[in-house]
PDB file of N, CA and C in Angstrom:
ATOM      1  N   MET A   1       0.840  -1.168   0.000  1.00  0.00           N
ATOM      2  CA  MET A   1       0.000   0.000   0.000  1.00  0.00           C
ATOM      3  C   MET A   1       0.892   1.241   0.000  1.00  0.00           C
ATOM      4  N   GLU A   2       0.553   2.170  -0.876  1.00  0.00           N
ATOM      5  CA  GLU A   2       1.328   3.409  -0.988  1.00  0.00           C
ATOM      6  C   GLU A   2       0.974   4.362   0.152  1.00  0.00           C
ATOM      7  N   GLU A   3       1.991   4.933   0.764  1.00  0.00           N
ATOM      8  CA  GLU A   3       1.769   5.917   1.824  1.00  0.00           C
ATOM      9  C   GLU A   3       1.496   7.285   1.217  1.00  0.00           C
ATOM     10  N   ILE A   4       0.645   8.060   1.890  1.00  0.00           N
ATOM     11  CA  ILE A   4       0.430   9.458   1.531  1.00  0.00           C
ATOM     12  C   ILE A   4       0.678  10.283   2.779  1.00  0.00           C
ATOM     13  N   ASN A   5       0.883  11.579   2.595  1.00  0.00           N
ATOM     14  CA  ASN A   5       1.059  12.418   3.773  1.00  0.00           C
ATOM     15  C   ASN A   5      -0.284  13.045   4.160  1.00  0.00           C
ATOM     16  N   PHE A   6      -0.318  13.660   5.317  1.00  0.00           N
ATOM     17  CA  PHE A   6      -1.559  14.203   5.847  1.00  0.00           C
ATOM     18  C   PHE A   6      -2.139  15.275   4.934  1.00  0.00           C
ATOM     19  N   GLU A   7      -1.291  16.057   4.294  1.00  0.00           N
ATOM     20  CA  GLU A   7      -1.762  17.103   3.382  1.00  0.00           C
ATOM     21  C   GLU A   7      -2.522  16.487   2.202  1.00  0.00           C
ATOM     22  N   ASP A   8      -2.070  15.311   1.719  1.00  0.00           N
ATOM     23  CA  ASP A   8      -2.797  14.619   0.648  1.00  0.00           C
ATOM     24  C   ASP A   8      -4.197  14.239   1.128  1.00  0.00           C
ATOM     25  N   PHE A   9      -4.291  13.719   2.326  1.00  0.00           N
ATOM     26  CA  PHE A   9      -5.587  13.331   2.885  1.00  0.00           C
ATOM     27  C   PHE A   9      -6.518  14.537   2.990  1.00  0.00           C
ATOM     28  N   LEU A  10      -5.989  15.685   3.400  1.00  0.00           N
ATOM     29  CA  LEU A  10      -6.812  16.880   3.564  1.00  0.00           C
ATOM     30  C   LEU A  10      -7.393  17.368   2.241  1.00  0.00           C
ATOM     31  N   ARG A  11      -6.804  16.978   1.141  1.00  0.00           N
ATOM     32  CA  ARG A  11      -7.304  17.389  -0.182  1.00  0.00           C
ATOM     33  C   ARG A  11      -8.550  16.601  -0.588  1.00  0.00           C
ATOM     34  N   VAL A  12      -8.790  15.476   0.043  1.00  0.00           N
ATOM     35  CA  VAL A  12      -9.971  14.659  -0.268  1.00  0.00           C
ATOM     36  C   VAL A  12     -11.130  15.162   0.587  1.00  0.00           C
ATOM     37  N   HIS A  13     -12.198  15.617  -0.079  1.00  0.00           N
ATOM     38  CA  HIS A  13     -13.363  16.115   0.650  1.00  0.00           C
ATOM     39  C   HIS A  13     -14.420  15.020   0.709  1.00  0.00           C
ATOM     40  N   ILE A  14     -14.586  14.482   1.916  1.00  0.00           N
ATOM     41  CA  ILE A  14     -15.598  13.466   2.167  1.00  0.00           C
ATOM     42  C   ILE A  14     -16.705  14.135   2.975  1.00  0.00           C
ATOM     43  N   LEU A  15     -17.922  14.103   2.426  1.00  0.00           N
ATOM     44  CA  LEU A  15     -19.056  14.751   3.069  1.00  0.00           C
ATOM     45  C   LEU A  15     -20.190  13.755   3.295  1.00  0.00           C
ATOM     46  N   THR A  16     -21.071  14.101   4.221  1.00  0.00           N
ATOM     47  CA  THR A  16     -22.286  13.324   4.415  1.00  0.00           C
ATOM     48  C   THR A  16     -23.376  13.875   3.511  1.00  0.00           C
ATOM     49  N   GLY A  17     -24.247  12.983   3.077  1.00  0.00           N
ATOM     50  CA  GLY A  17     -25.389  13.384   2.262  1.00  0.00           C
ATOM     51  C   GLY A  17     -26.516  12.390   2.445  1.00  0.00           C
ATOM     52  N   THR A  18     -27.719  12.813   2.118  1.00  0.00           N
ATOM     53  CA  THR A  18     -28.886  11.947   2.225  1.00  0.00           C
ATOM     54  C   THR A  18     -29.386  11.597   0.830  1.00  0.00           C
ATOM     55  N   ILE A  19     -29.580  10.313   0.598  1.00  0.00           N
ATOM     56  CA  ILE A  19     -30.091   9.856  -0.689  1.00  0.00           C
ATOM     57  C   ILE A  19     -31.549  10.291  -0.816  1.00  0.00           C
ATOM     58  N   LEU A  20     -31.830  11.050  -1.866  1.00  0.00           N
ATOM     59  CA  LEU A  20     -33.189  11.515  -2.127  1.00  0.00           C
ATOM     60  C   LEU A  20     -33.975  10.495  -2.935  1.00  0.00           C
ATOM     61  N   GLU A  21     -33.307   9.908  -3.918  1.00  0.00           N
ATOM     62  CA  GLU A  21     -33.964   8.888  -4.740  1.00  0.00           C
ATOM     63  C   GLU A  21     -32.927   7.975  -5.358  1.00  0.00           C
ATOM     64  N   ALA A  22     -33.375   6.783  -5.662  1.00  0.00           N
ATOM     65  CA  ALA A  22     -32.515   5.771  -6.277  1.00  0.00           C
ATOM     66  C   ALA A  22     -33.314   5.077  -7.367  1.00  0.00           C
ATOM     67  N   SER A  23     -32.609   4.714  -8.442  1.00  0.00           N
ATOM     68  CA  SER A  23     -33.246   3.959  -9.522  1.00  0.00           C
ATOM     69  C   SER A  23     -32.215   3.025 -10.130  1.00  0.00           C
ATOM     70  N   LEU A  24     -32.697   1.923 -10.682  1.00  0.00           N
ATOM     71  CA  LEU A  24     -31.810   0.972 -11.342  1.00  0.00           C
ATOM     72  C   LEU A  24     -31.306   1.598 -12.632  1.00  0.00           C
ATOM     73  N   ASN A  25     -30.013   1.465 -12.894  1.00  0.00           N
ATOM     74  CA  ASN A  25     -29.437   1.985 -14.139  1.00  0.00           C
ATOM     75  C   ASN A  25     -29.427   0.860 -15.170  1.00  0.00           C
ATOM     76  N   PRO A  26     -30.348   0.877 -16.134  1.00  0.00           N
ATOM     77  CA  PRO A  26     -30.445  -0.212 -17.100  1.00  0.00           C
ATOM     78  C   PRO A  26     -29.270  -0.280 -18.075  1.00  0.00           C
ATOM     79  N   LYS A  27     -28.489   0.789 -18.187  1.00  0.00           N
ATOM     80  CA  LYS A  27     -27.351   0.815 -19.117  1.00  0.00           C
ATOM     81  C   LYS A  27     -26.069   0.245 -18.505  1.00  0.00           C
ATOM     82  N   ALA A  28     -26.052   0.025 -17.213  1.00  0.00           N
ATOM     83  CA  ALA A  28     -24.838  -0.447 -16.538  1.00  0.00           C
ATOM     84  C   ALA A  28     -24.540  -1.899 -16.899  1.00  0.00           C
ATOM     85  N   ARG A  29     -23.261  -2.193 -17.187  1.00  0.00           N
ATOM     86  CA  ARG A  29     -22.837  -3.575 -17.459  1.00  0.00           C
ATOM     87  C   ARG A  29     -22.999  -4.451 -16.226  1.00  0.00           C
ATOM     88  N   ASN A  30     -22.556  -3.933 -15.092  1.00  0.00           N
ATOM     89  CA  ASN A  30     -22.761  -4.599 -13.803  1.00  0.00           C
ATOM     90  C   ASN A  30     -23.923  -3.891 -13.119  1.00  0.00           C
ATOM     91  N   PRO A  31     -24.806  -4.614 -12.451  1.00  0.00           N
ATOM     92  CA  PRO A  31     -25.971  -3.973 -11.824  1.00  0.00           C
ATOM     93  C   PRO A  31     -25.561  -2.789 -10.950  1.00  0.00           C
ATOM     94  N   ALA A  32     -26.247  -1.662 -11.153  1.00  0.00           N
ATOM     95  CA  ALA A  32     -25.919  -0.435 -10.421  1.00  0.00           C
ATOM     96  C   ALA A  32     -27.172   0.418 -10.269  1.00  0.00           C
ATOM     97  N   TYR A  33     -27.137   1.266  -9.259  1.00  0.00           N
ATOM     98  CA  TYR A  33     -28.190   2.244  -9.044  1.00  0.00           C
ATOM     99  C   TYR A  33     -27.675   3.629  -9.396  1.00  0.00           C
ATOM    100  N   THR A  34     -28.587   4.469  -9.869  1.00  0.00           N
ATOM    101  CA  THR A  34     -28.328   5.897 -10.002  1.00  0.00           C
ATOM    102  C   THR A  34     -28.914   6.545  -8.761  1.00  0.00           C
ATOM    103  N   LEU A  35     -28.101   7.325  -8.057  1.00  0.00           N
ATOM    104  CA  LEU A  35     -28.515   7.959  -6.808  1.00  0.00           C
ATOM    105  C   LEU A  35     -28.512   9.472  -6.954  1.00  0.00           C
ATOM    106  N   ARG A  36     -29.530  10.131  -6.415  1.00  0.00           N
ATOM    107  CA  ARG A  36     -29.535  11.594  -6.263  1.00  0.00           C
ATOM    108  C   ARG A  36     -29.369  11.849  -4.767  1.00  0.00           C
ATOM    109  N   ILE A  37     -28.320  12.609  -4.426  1.00  0.00           N
ATOM    110  CA  ILE A  37     -27.925  12.762  -3.024  1.00  0.00           C
ATOM    111  C   ILE A  37     -27.877  14.243  -2.656  1.00  0.00           C
ATOM    112  N   ASP A  38     -28.474  14.593  -1.522  1.00  0.00           N
ATOM    113  CA  ASP A  38     -28.486  15.968  -1.027  1.00  0.00           C
ATOM    114  C   ASP A  38     -27.300  16.179  -0.088  1.00  0.00           C
ATOM    115  N   PHE A  39     -26.408  17.093  -0.474  1.00  0.00           N
ATOM    116  CA  PHE A  39     -25.246  17.435   0.349  1.00  0.00           C
ATOM    117  C   PHE A  39     -25.397  18.810   0.994  1.00  0.00           C
ATOM    118  N   GLY A  40     -26.621  19.180   1.317  1.00  0.00           N
ATOM    119  CA  GLY A  40     -26.870  20.440   2.014  1.00  0.00           C
ATOM    120  C   GLY A  40     -26.385  21.627   1.209  1.00  0.00           C
ATOM    121  N   GLN A  41     -25.535  22.449   1.814  1.00  0.00           N
ATOM    122  CA  GLN A  41     -25.054  23.672   1.166  1.00  0.00           C
ATOM    123  C   GLN A  41     -24.256  23.396  -0.109  1.00  0.00           C
ATOM    124  N   TYR A  42     -23.826  22.153  -0.325  1.00  0.00           N
ATOM    125  CA  TYR A  42     -23.050  21.796  -1.515  1.00  0.00           C
ATOM    126  C   TYR A  42     -23.940  21.320  -2.659  1.00  0.00           C
ATOM    127  N   GLY A  43     -25.233  21.238  -2.422  1.00  0.00           N
ATOM    128  CA  GLY A  43     -26.176  20.930  -3.477  1.00  0.00           C
ATOM    129  C   GLY A  43     -26.502  19.453  -3.624  1.00  0.00           C
ATOM    130  N   ILE A  44     -27.310  19.178  -4.627  1.00  0.00           N
ATOM    131  CA  ILE A  44     -27.733  17.814  -4.937  1.00  0.00           C
ATOM    132  C   ILE A  44     -26.835  17.279  -6.034  1.00  0.00           C
ATOM    133  N   LYS A  45     -26.279  16.107  -5.805  1.00  0.00           N
ATOM    134  CA  LYS A  45     -25.333  15.480  -6.740  1.00  0.00           C
ATOM    135  C   LYS A  45     -25.848  14.096  -7.136  1.00  0.00           C
ATOM    136  N   THR A  46     -25.352  13.624  -8.280  1.00  0.00           N
ATOM    137  CA  THR A  46     -25.722  12.310  -8.799  1.00  0.00           C
ATOM    138  C   THR A  46     -24.530  11.374  -8.731  1.00  0.00           C
ATOM    139  N   SER A  47     -24.812  10.099  -8.499  1.00  0.00           N
ATOM    140  CA  SER A  47     -23.756   9.094  -8.467  1.00  0.00           C
ATOM    141  C   SER A  47     -24.288   7.778  -9.024  1.00  0.00           C
ATOM    142  N   SER A  48     -23.392   6.979  -9.569  1.00  0.00           N
ATOM    143  CA  SER A  48     -23.698   5.614  -9.965  1.00  0.00           C
ATOM    144  C   SER A  48     -23.009   4.711  -8.955  1.00  0.00           C
ATOM    145  N   ALA A  49     -23.758   3.771  -8.395  1.00  0.00           N
ATOM    146  CA  ALA A  49     -23.193   2.935  -7.332  1.00  0.00           C
ATOM    147  C   ALA A  49     -23.564   1.471  -7.543  1.00  0.00           C
ATOM    148  N   GLN A  50     -22.563   0.607  -7.517  1.00  0.00           N
ATOM    149  CA  GLN A  50     -22.778  -0.834  -7.648  1.00  0.00           C
ATOM    150  C   GLN A  50     -23.025  -1.434  -6.259  1.00  0.00           C
ATOM    151  N   ILE A  51     -24.226  -1.204  -5.764  1.00  0.00           N
ATOM    152  CA  ILE A  51     -24.584  -1.632  -4.407  1.00  0.00           C
ATOM    153  C   ILE A  51     -25.851  -2.488  -4.410  1.00  0.00           C
ATOM    154  N   THR A  52     -26.194  -3.045  -5.568  1.00  0.00           N
ATOM    155  CA  THR A  52     -27.454  -3.787  -5.687  1.00  0.00           C
ATOM    156  C   THR A  52     -27.466  -5.089  -4.903  1.00  0.00           C
ATOM    157  N   GLY A  53     -26.296  -5.613  -4.537  1.00  0.00           N
ATOM    158  CA  GLY A  53     -26.236  -6.871  -3.797  1.00  0.00           C
ATOM    159  C   GLY A  53     -26.781  -6.783  -2.393  1.00  0.00           C
ATOM    160  N   ASN A  54     -26.639  -5.625  -1.753  1.00  0.00           N
ATOM    161  CA  ASN A  54     -27.056  -5.477  -0.359  1.00  0.00           C
ATOM    162  C   ASN A  54     -28.217  -4.520  -0.144  1.00  0.00           C
ATOM    163  N   TYR A  55     -28.617  -3.803  -1.182  1.00  0.00           N
ATOM    164  CA  TYR A  55     -29.618  -2.752  -1.001  1.00  0.00           C
ATOM    165  C   TYR A  55     -30.700  -2.862  -2.070  1.00  0.00           C
ATOM    166  N   GLN A  56     -31.945  -2.728  -1.640  1.00  0.00           N
ATOM    167  CA  GLN A  56     -33.078  -2.652  -2.557  1.00  0.00           C
ATOM    168  C   GLN A  56     -33.321  -1.180  -2.863  1.00  0.00           C
ATOM    169  N   VAL A  57     -33.685  -0.880  -4.086  1.00  0.00           N
ATOM    170  CA  VAL A  57     -33.853   0.503  -4.504  1.00  0.00           C
ATOM    171  C   VAL A  57     -34.827   1.258  -3.582  1.00  0.00           C
ATOM    172  N   GLU A  58     -35.887   0.592  -3.146  1.00  0.00           N
ATOM    173  CA  GLU A  58     -36.891   1.260  -2.311  1.00  0.00           C
ATOM    174  C   GLU A  58     -36.394   1.538  -0.893  1.00  0.00           C
ATOM    175  N   ASP A  59     -35.304   0.938  -0.467  1.00  0.00           N
ATOM    176  CA  ASP A  59     -34.772   1.143   0.881  1.00  0.00           C
ATOM    177  C   ASP A  59     -33.728   2.251   0.966  1.00  0.00           C
ATOM    178  N   LEU A  60     -33.328   2.803  -0.171  1.00  0.00           N
ATOM    179  CA  LEU A  60     -32.214   3.754  -0.169  1.00  0.00           C
ATOM    180  C   LEU A  60     -32.634   5.199   0.126  1.00  0.00           C
ATOM    181  N   ALA A  61     -33.812   5.616  -0.304  1.00  0.00           N
ATOM    182  CA  ALA A  61     -34.248   6.996  -0.059  1.00  0.00           C
ATOM    183  C   ALA A  61     -34.281   7.263   1.437  1.00  0.00           C
ATOM    184  N   GLY A  62     -33.650   8.354   1.846  1.00  0.00           N
ATOM    185  CA  GLY A  62     -33.587   8.734   3.259  1.00  0.00           C
ATOM    186  C   GLY A  62     -32.343   8.252   3.979  1.00  0.00           C
ATOM    187  N   LEU A  63     -31.575   7.360   3.350  1.00  0.00           N
ATOM    188  CA  LEU A  63     -30.352   6.850   3.975  1.00  0.00           C
ATOM    189  C   LEU A  63     -29.236   7.885   3.876  1.00  0.00           C
ATOM    190  N   GLN A  64     -28.592   8.165   4.989  1.00  0.00           N
ATOM    191  CA  GLN A  64     -27.470   9.103   4.987  1.00  0.00           C
ATOM    192  C   GLN A  64     -26.183   8.324   4.728  1.00  0.00           C
ATOM    193  N   ILE A  65     -25.365   8.842   3.801  1.00  0.00           N
ATOM    194  CA  ILE A  65     -24.151   8.153   3.372  1.00  0.00           C
ATOM    195  C   ILE A  65     -22.956   9.109   3.437  1.00  0.00           C
ATOM    196  N   CYS A  66     -21.775   8.588   3.116  1.00  0.00           N
ATOM    197  CA  CYS A  66     -20.553   9.379   3.005  1.00  0.00           C
ATOM    198  C   CYS A  66     -20.051   9.255   1.567  1.00  0.00           C
ATOM    199  N   ALA A  67     -19.523  10.358   1.019  1.00  0.00           N
ATOM    200  CA  ALA A  67     -19.049  10.329  -0.363  1.00  0.00           C
ATOM    201  C   ALA A  67     -17.916  11.322  -0.569  1.00  0.00           C
ATOM    202  N   VAL A  68     -17.027  10.984  -1.496  1.00  0.00           N
ATOM    203  CA  VAL A  68     -15.985  11.917  -1.936  1.00  0.00           C
ATOM    204  C   VAL A  68     -16.638  12.831  -2.967  1.00  0.00           C
ATOM    205  N   VAL A  69     -16.532  14.143  -2.738  1.00  0.00           N
ATOM    206  CA  VAL A  69     -17.236  15.091  -3.599  1.00  0.00           C
ATOM    207  C   VAL A  69     -16.321  15.912  -4.500  1.00  0.00           C
ATOM    208  N   ASN A  70     -15.007  15.723  -4.398  1.00  0.00           N
ATOM    209  CA  ASN A  70     -14.129  16.560  -5.210  1.00  0.00           C
ATOM    210  C   ASN A  70     -13.286  15.784  -6.222  1.00  0.00           C
ATOM    211  N   PHE A  71     -13.763  14.605  -6.648  1.00  0.00           N
ATOM    212  CA  PHE A  71     -13.164  13.931  -7.797  1.00  0.00           C
ATOM    213  C   PHE A  71     -13.765  14.556  -9.053  1.00  0.00           C
ATOM    214  N   PRO A  72     -13.072  14.459 -10.189  1.00  0.00           N
ATOM    215  CA  PRO A  72     -13.675  14.952 -11.432  1.00  0.00           C
ATOM    216  C   PRO A  72     -14.941  14.156 -11.768  1.00  0.00           C
ATOM    217  N   VAL A  73     -15.893  14.813 -12.426  1.00  0.00           N
ATOM    218  CA  VAL A  73     -17.114  14.149 -12.870  1.00  0.00           C
ATOM    219  C   VAL A  73     -16.736  13.056 -13.858  1.00  0.00           C
ATOM    220  N   LYS A  74     -17.415  11.924 -13.735  1.00  0.00           N
ATOM    221  CA  LYS A  74     -17.131  10.776 -14.600  1.00  0.00           C
ATOM    222  C   LYS A  74     -18.446  10.273 -15.181  1.00  0.00           C
ATOM    223  N   ARG A  75     -18.462   9.980 -16.474  1.00  0.00           N
ATOM    224  CA  ARG A  75     -19.662   9.423 -17.100  1.00  0.00           C
ATOM    225  C   ARG A  75     -19.600   7.906 -17.001  1.00  0.00           C
ATOM    226  N   ILE A  76     -20.605   7.316 -16.327  1.00  0.00           N
ATOM    227  CA  ILE A  76     -20.649   5.869 -16.110  1.00  0.00           C
ATOM    228  C   ILE A  76     -21.992   5.354 -16.609  1.00  0.00           C
ATOM    229  N   ALA A  77     -21.956   4.554 -17.643  1.00  0.00           N
ATOM    230  CA  ALA A  77     -23.173   3.928 -18.200  1.00  0.00           C
ATOM    231  C   ALA A  77     -24.291   4.947 -18.404  1.00  0.00           C
ATOM    232  N   GLY A  78     -23.933   6.086 -19.002  1.00  0.00           N
ATOM    233  CA  GLY A  78     -24.918   7.114 -19.298  1.00  0.00           C
ATOM    234  C   GLY A  78     -25.247   8.035 -18.147  1.00  0.00           C
ATOM    235  N   VAL A  79     -24.635   7.828 -16.990  1.00  0.00           N
ATOM    236  CA  VAL A  79     -24.903   8.657 -15.808  1.00  0.00           C
ATOM    237  C   VAL A  79     -23.731   9.598 -15.561  1.00  0.00           C
ATOM    238  N   LYS A  80     -24.040  10.870 -15.329  1.00  0.00           N
ATOM    239  CA  LYS A  80     -23.029  11.843 -14.936  1.00  0.00           C
ATOM    240  C   LYS A  80     -22.789  11.650 -13.441  1.00  0.00           C
ATOM    241  N   SER A  81     -21.752  10.881 -13.090  1.00  0.00           N
ATOM    242  CA  SER A  81     -21.464  10.563 -11.700  1.00  0.00           C
ATOM    243  C   SER A  81     -20.574  11.663 -11.126  1.00  0.00           C
ATOM    244  N   GLU A  82     -21.141  12.444 -10.217  1.00  0.00           N
ATOM    245  CA  GLU A  82     -20.458  13.612  -9.672  1.00  0.00           C
ATOM    246  C   GLU A  82     -19.726  13.339  -8.369  1.00  0.00           C
ATOM    247  N   VAL A  83     -20.091  12.264  -7.675  1.00  0.00           N
ATOM    248  CA  VAL A  83     -19.480  11.928  -6.390  1.00  0.00           C
ATOM    249  C   VAL A  83     -19.222  10.437  -6.323  1.00  0.00           C
ATOM    250  N   LEU A  84     -18.299  10.038  -5.462  1.00  0.00           N
ATOM    251  CA  LEU A  84     -17.998   8.624  -5.235  1.00  0.00           C
ATOM    252  C   LEU A  84     -18.544   8.235  -3.864  1.00  0.00           C
ATOM    253  N   VAL A  85     -19.625   7.453  -3.870  1.00  0.00           N
ATOM    254  CA  VAL A  85     -20.219   6.970  -2.630  1.00  0.00           C
ATOM    255  C   VAL A  85     -19.264   5.939  -2.031  1.00  0.00           C
ATOM    256  N   LEU A  86     -19.023   6.033  -0.727  1.00  0.00           N
ATOM    257  CA  LEU A  86     -18.044   5.171  -0.072  1.00  0.00           C
ATOM    258  C   LEU A  86     -18.692   3.961   0.596  1.00  0.00           C
ATOM    259  N   GLY A  87     -18.011   2.846   0.479  1.00  0.00           N
ATOM    260  CA  GLY A  87     -18.466   1.619   1.112  1.00  0.00           C
ATOM    261  C   GLY A  87     -17.281   0.729   1.409  1.00  0.00           C
ATOM    262  N   ALA A  88     -17.483  -0.198   2.296  1.00  0.00           N
ATOM    263  CA  ALA A  88     -16.468  -1.207   2.610  1.00  0.00           C
ATOM    264  C   ALA A  88     -16.815  -2.458   1.803  1.00  0.00           C
ATOM    265  N   TYR A  89     -15.802  -3.115   1.244  1.00  0.00           N
ATOM    266  CA  TYR A  89     -16.022  -4.294   0.418  1.00  0.00           C
ATOM    267  C   TYR A  89     -15.420  -5.522   1.077  1.00  0.00           C
ATOM    268  N   SER A  90     -16.178  -6.604   1.057  1.00  0.00           N
ATOM    269  CA  SER A  90     -15.645  -7.889   1.478  1.00  0.00           C
ATOM    270  C   SER A  90     -16.182  -8.950   0.529  1.00  0.00           C
ATOM    271  N   GLU A  91     -15.436 -10.035   0.388  1.00  0.00           N
ATOM    272  CA  GLU A  91     -15.862 -11.138  -0.481  1.00  0.00           C
ATOM    273  C   GLU A  91     -17.205 -11.699  -0.021  1.00  0.00           C
ATOM    274  N   ASP A  92     -17.412 -11.777   1.293  1.00  0.00           N
ATOM    275  CA  ASP A  92     -18.642 -12.356   1.851  1.00  0.00           C
ATOM    276  C   ASP A  92     -19.873 -11.484   1.624  1.00  0.00           C
ATOM    277  N   LYS A  93     -19.712 -10.183   1.855  1.00  0.00           N
ATOM    278  CA  LYS A  93     -20.870  -9.292   1.890  1.00  0.00           C
ATOM    279  C   LYS A  93     -20.986  -8.341   0.711  1.00  0.00           C
ATOM    280  N   GLY A  94     -19.958  -8.246  -0.125  1.00  0.00           N
ATOM    281  CA  GLY A  94     -20.003  -7.254  -1.203  1.00  0.00           C
ATOM    282  C   GLY A  94     -19.754  -5.874  -0.632  1.00  0.00           C
ATOM    283  N   VAL A  95     -20.449  -4.870  -1.164  1.00  0.00           N
ATOM    284  CA  VAL A  95     -20.259  -3.482  -0.727  1.00  0.00           C
ATOM    285  C   VAL A  95     -21.277  -3.127   0.345  1.00  0.00           C
ATOM    286  N   VAL A  96     -20.773  -2.619   1.469  1.00  0.00           N
ATOM    287  CA  VAL A  96     -21.607  -2.131   2.560  1.00  0.00           C
ATOM    288  C   VAL A  96     -21.331  -0.638   2.677  1.00  0.00           C
ATOM    289  N   LEU A  97     -22.366   0.181   2.502  1.00  0.00           N
ATOM    290  CA  LEU A  97     -22.200   1.631   2.523  1.00  0.00           C
ATOM    291  C   LEU A  97     -21.698   2.132   3.868  1.00  0.00           C
ATOM    292  N   LEU A  98     -20.846   3.160   3.811  1.00  0.00           N
ATOM    293  CA  LEU A  98     -20.404   3.838   5.036  1.00  0.00           C
ATOM    294  C   LEU A  98     -21.462   4.871   5.384  1.00  0.00           C
ATOM    295  N   THR A  99     -22.037   4.740   6.562  1.00  0.00           N
ATOM    296  CA  THR A  99     -23.101   5.636   7.013  1.00  0.00           C
ATOM    297  C   THR A  99     -22.780   6.136   8.413  1.00  0.00           C
ATOM    298  N   PRO A 100     -23.151   7.381   8.723  1.00  0.00           N
ATOM    299  CA  PRO A 100     -22.958   7.856  10.093  1.00  0.00           C
ATOM    300  C   PRO A 100     -23.836   7.057  11.048  1.00  0.00           C
ATOM    301  N   ARG A 101     -23.331   6.798  12.216  1.00  0.00           N
ATOM    302  CA  ARG A 101     -24.092   6.051  13.226  1.00  0.00           C
ATOM    303  C   ARG A 101     -25.298   6.857  13.704  1.00  0.00           C
ATOM    304  N   GLU A 102     -25.124   8.172  13.767  1.00  0.00           N
ATOM    305  CA  GLU A 102     -26.212   9.086  14.119  1.00  0.00           C
ATOM    306  C   GLU A 102     -26.355  10.089  12.995  1.00  0.00           C
ATOM    307  N   SER A 103     -27.545  10.603  12.815  1.00  0.00           N
ATOM    308  CA  SER A 103     -27.799  11.578  11.765  1.00  0.00           C
ATOM    309  C   SER A 103     -27.038  12.874  12.045  1.00  0.00           C
ATOM    310  N   VAL A 104     -26.425  13.412  10.989  1.00  0.00           N
ATOM    311  CA  VAL A 104     -25.726  14.689  11.070  1.00  0.00           C
ATOM    312  C   VAL A 104     -26.229  15.564   9.926  1.00  0.00           C
ATOM    313  N   GLU A 105     -25.881  16.823   9.948  1.00  0.00           N
ATOM    314  CA  GLU A 105     -26.294  17.736   8.896  1.00  0.00           C
ATOM    315  C   GLU A 105     -25.693  17.305   7.563  1.00  0.00           C
ATOM    316  N   ASP A 106     -26.529  17.302   6.512  1.00  0.00           N
ATOM    317  CA  ASP A 106     -26.007  17.003   5.172  1.00  0.00           C
ATOM    318  C   ASP A 106     -24.939  18.031   4.815  1.00  0.00           C
ATOM    319  N   GLY A 107     -23.846  17.545   4.253  1.00  0.00           N
ATOM    320  CA  GLY A 107     -22.716  18.402   3.918  1.00  0.00           C
ATOM    321  C   GLY A 107     -21.678  18.468   5.017  1.00  0.00           C
ATOM    322  N   SER A 108     -21.874  17.698   6.096  1.00  0.00           N
ATOM    323  CA  SER A 108     -20.871  17.663   7.172  1.00  0.00           C
ATOM    324  C   SER A 108     -19.603  16.997   6.670  1.00  0.00           C
ATOM    325  N   LEU A 109     -18.478  17.555   7.053  1.00  0.00           N
ATOM    326  CA  LEU A 109     -17.168  17.026   6.644  1.00  0.00           C
ATOM    327  C   LEU A 109     -16.823  15.781   7.454  1.00  0.00           C
ATOM    328  N   VAL A 110     -16.389  14.745   6.749  1.00  0.00           N
ATOM    329  CA  VAL A 110     -15.938  13.511   7.391  1.00  0.00           C
ATOM    330  C   VAL A 110     -14.423  13.568   7.419  1.00  0.00           C
ATOM    331  N   GLY A 111     -13.828  13.263   8.547  1.00  0.00           N
ATOM    332  CA  GLY A 111     -12.377  13.320   8.600  1.00  0.00           C
ATOM    333  C   GLY A 111     -11.819  12.719   9.849  1.00  0.00           C
TER     334      GLY A 111
END
C-alpha cells in the first residue's frame, strides 16, 4: 500500500449526504443504481453505485451516506457521476455503505 502524507488526505473532501432517490441503471454492465444525493449547502449530486447486492432501490431513499465530492465528474453507463459513494467491500458481503451512526447535517465534513 502506498503511503500518503496528511496534506494529501486533507485534499480529499468526504461529506455526508442523504439519498433523495434511487433507480436501477439499465445501461450499466454490472448492476448499479443511479442515486440523487443531497449534500446540504453543496447541493444535490448524482452518483452511480454498484450496491445492488445489499440494497433494494426502495430502501435507499432517506439513507445518509458518506461520499468523496471533489473527484472529477465521470460518465458511467450514461450517468453523470459527480461523487464517489463510499463503502467497505468484502468477499462475503459485497459493498456495505459507510453511514454515520447518528444523523448529522447534510454536507458535514468527514475526517
